[in-house]
Every structure is written in C-alpha cells, then in structure tokens.
C-alpha atoms as a PDB file:
ATOM      1  CA  MET A   1       0.000   0.000   0.000  1.00  0.00           C
ATOM      2  CA  ILE A   2       0.978   3.629  -0.479  1.00  0.00           C
ATOM      3  CA  ARG A   3       1.108   6.551   1.955  1.00  0.00           C
ATOM      4  CA  ALA A   4       0.114   9.789   0.168  1.00  0.00           C
ATOM      5  CA  LEU A   5       1.721  13.024   1.376  1.00  0.00           C
ATOM      6  CA  ALA A   6       1.252  16.637   0.333  1.00  0.00           C
ATOM      7  CA  LEU A   7       4.262  18.868   0.948  1.00  0.00           C
ATOM      8  CA  ILE A   8       4.056  22.634   0.659  1.00  0.00           C
ATOM      9  CA  CYS A   9       7.567  24.005   0.216  1.00  0.00           C
ATOM     10  CA  ALA A  10       9.085  27.427  -0.316  1.00  0.00           C
ATOM     11  CA  VAL A  11       9.950  28.234  -3.928  1.00  0.00           C
ATOM     12  CA  SER A  12      13.540  28.718  -2.732  1.00  0.00           C
ATOM     13  CA  THR A  13      13.656  24.988  -1.856  1.00  0.00           C
ATOM     14  CA  PRO A  14      14.696  22.851  -4.845  1.00  0.00           C
ATOM     15  CA  ALA A  15      12.156  20.130  -5.653  1.00  0.00           C
ATOM     16  CA  ASP A  16      14.651  17.370  -4.899  1.00  0.00           C
ATOM     17  CA  ARG A  17      15.158  18.812  -1.407  1.00  0.00           C
ATOM     18  CA  CYS A  18      11.480  19.316  -0.645  1.00  0.00           C
ATOM     19  CA  ASP A  19      10.708  16.611   1.908  1.00  0.00           C
ATOM     20  CA  ALA A  20       8.820  16.207   5.176  1.00  0.00           C
ATOM     21  CA  ASP A  21      11.661  17.909   7.069  1.00  0.00           C
ATOM     22  CA  SER A  22      11.996  20.979   4.834  1.00  0.00           C
ATOM     23  CA  ALA A  23       8.323  21.537   3.958  1.00  0.00           C
ATOM     24  CA  ARG A  24       6.383  24.403   5.504  1.00  0.00           C
ATOM     25  CA  VAL A  25       3.273  22.200   5.645  1.00  0.00           C
ATOM     26  CA  VAL A  26       3.029  18.396   5.582  1.00  0.00           C
ATOM     27  CA  LEU A  27      -0.347  16.724   5.075  1.00  0.00           C
ATOM     28  CA  SER A  28      -1.064  13.021   4.925  1.00  0.00           C
ATOM     29  CA  ALA A  29      -4.086  11.497   3.225  1.00  0.00           C
ATOM     30  CA  PRO A  30      -6.023   9.336   5.677  1.00  0.00           C
ATOM     31  CA  GLY A  31      -5.241   5.634   5.506  1.00  0.00           C
ATOM     32  CA  ARG A  32      -3.384   3.933   2.703  1.00  0.00           C
ATOM     33  CA  VAL A  33      -4.216   4.071  -0.998  1.00  0.00           C
ATOM     34  CA  GLN A  34      -3.481   2.077  -4.126  1.00  0.00           C
ATOM     35  CA  ALA A  35      -0.519   3.368  -6.172  1.00  0.00           C
ATOM     36  CA  MET A  36      -2.731   4.578  -9.036  1.00  0.00           C
ATOM     37  CA  GLN A  37      -4.857   6.684  -6.651  1.00  0.00           C
ATOM     38  CA  CYS A  38      -2.115   8.464  -4.717  1.00  0.00           C
ATOM     39  CA  ALA A  39      -2.305  11.884  -6.395  1.00  0.00           C
ATOM     40  CA  ARG A  40      -6.105  11.766  -6.483  1.00  0.00           C
ATOM     41  CA  ALA A  41      -6.250  11.129  -2.740  1.00  0.00           C
ATOM     42  CA  ILE A  42      -4.191  14.267  -2.092  1.00  0.00           C
ATOM     43  CA  GLU A  43      -6.187  16.352  -4.578  1.00  0.00           C
ATOM     44  CA  ALA A  44      -9.457  15.280  -2.954  1.00  0.00           C
ATOM     45  CA  MET A  45      -8.137  16.053   0.524  1.00  0.00           C
ATOM     46  CA  LEU A  46      -6.901  19.511  -0.495  1.00  0.00           C
ATOM     47  CA  ALA A  47     -10.150  20.292  -2.342  1.00  0.00           C
ATOM     48  CA  GLN A  48     -12.061  19.787   0.903  1.00  0.00           C
ATOM     49  CA  SER A  49      -9.762  22.056   2.905  1.00  0.00           C
ATOM     50  CA  ALA A  50      -8.711  25.681   2.852  1.00  0.00           C
ATOM     51  CA  ILE A  51      -5.051  24.715   2.580  1.00  0.00           C
ATOM     52  CA  ALA A  52      -3.226  25.749  -0.579  1.00  0.00           C
ATOM     53  CA  PRO A  53       0.257  26.978  -1.400  1.00  0.00           C
ATOM     54  CA  ASP A  54       0.756  30.700  -1.897  1.00  0.00           C
ATOM     55  CA  ARG A  55       1.331  30.968  -5.659  1.00  0.00           C
ATOM     56  CA  ASP A  56       4.146  33.515  -5.285  1.00  0.00           C
ATOM     57  CA  THR A  57       6.160  31.906  -2.486  1.00  0.00           C
ATOM     58  CA  GLU A  58       5.265  28.193  -2.280  1.00  0.00           C
ATOM     59  CA  TYR A  59       4.598  25.103  -4.367  1.00  0.00           C
ATOM     60  CA  LEU A  60       2.867  21.770  -3.814  1.00  0.00           C
ATOM     61  CA  LYS A  61       4.709  18.478  -4.097  1.00  0.00           C
ATOM     62  CA  ILE A  62       2.863  15.166  -3.892  1.00  0.00           C
ATOM     63  CA  VAL A  63       4.818  12.217  -2.531  1.00  0.00           C
ATOM     64  CA  CYS A  64       3.680   8.620  -2.799  1.00  0.00           C
ATOM     65  CA  LYS A  65       5.658   6.409  -0.429  1.00  0.00           C
ATOM     66  CA  ARG A  66       5.433   2.627  -0.522  1.00  0.00           C
ATOM     67  CA  GLU A  67       5.169   1.108   2.919  1.00  0.00           C
ATOM     68  CA  ASN A  68       6.147  -2.406   3.859  1.00  0.00           C
ATOM     69  CA  VAL A  69       3.206  -4.648   4.668  1.00  0.00           C
ATOM     70  CA  ARG A  70       3.845  -7.247   7.328  1.00  0.00           C
END
C-alpha cells in the first residue's frame, strides 16, 4: 500500500530537497491508498480544505511512499 503526502515548500527549496523535514506544511491522506490513486487522494483532501500553497512563495509536491506490509 501507499502513503500519500502533500508537501508545501518554499519556492527557494529545490524540488529534490522538498521533503517532510523541509516543507512548511506536511499533510497526509487518511489511511493507505493504491498506487494509481495516490495523487487523487491528495487532490481530494486539499479540495475539501482551505489549505493551498501561496502561488508567489510556495509550491505543492505530492509524494507517494510505498510502505512495507507485514
């Protein structure tokens, strides 16, 4: 299964360095999703909230992390 994360990072942060530690905001979609639905889960979560990156100073990065199932 996949853990879906939304990271809101400063535009001064290179995309390859935008991670959970450097992001201004870190959001996690509830539960686990299938790989093909990762981005959709984040989009749906953000659409239902008032959270959005400031277009001039921030950007959104979606991260889909595979988790080990035991």
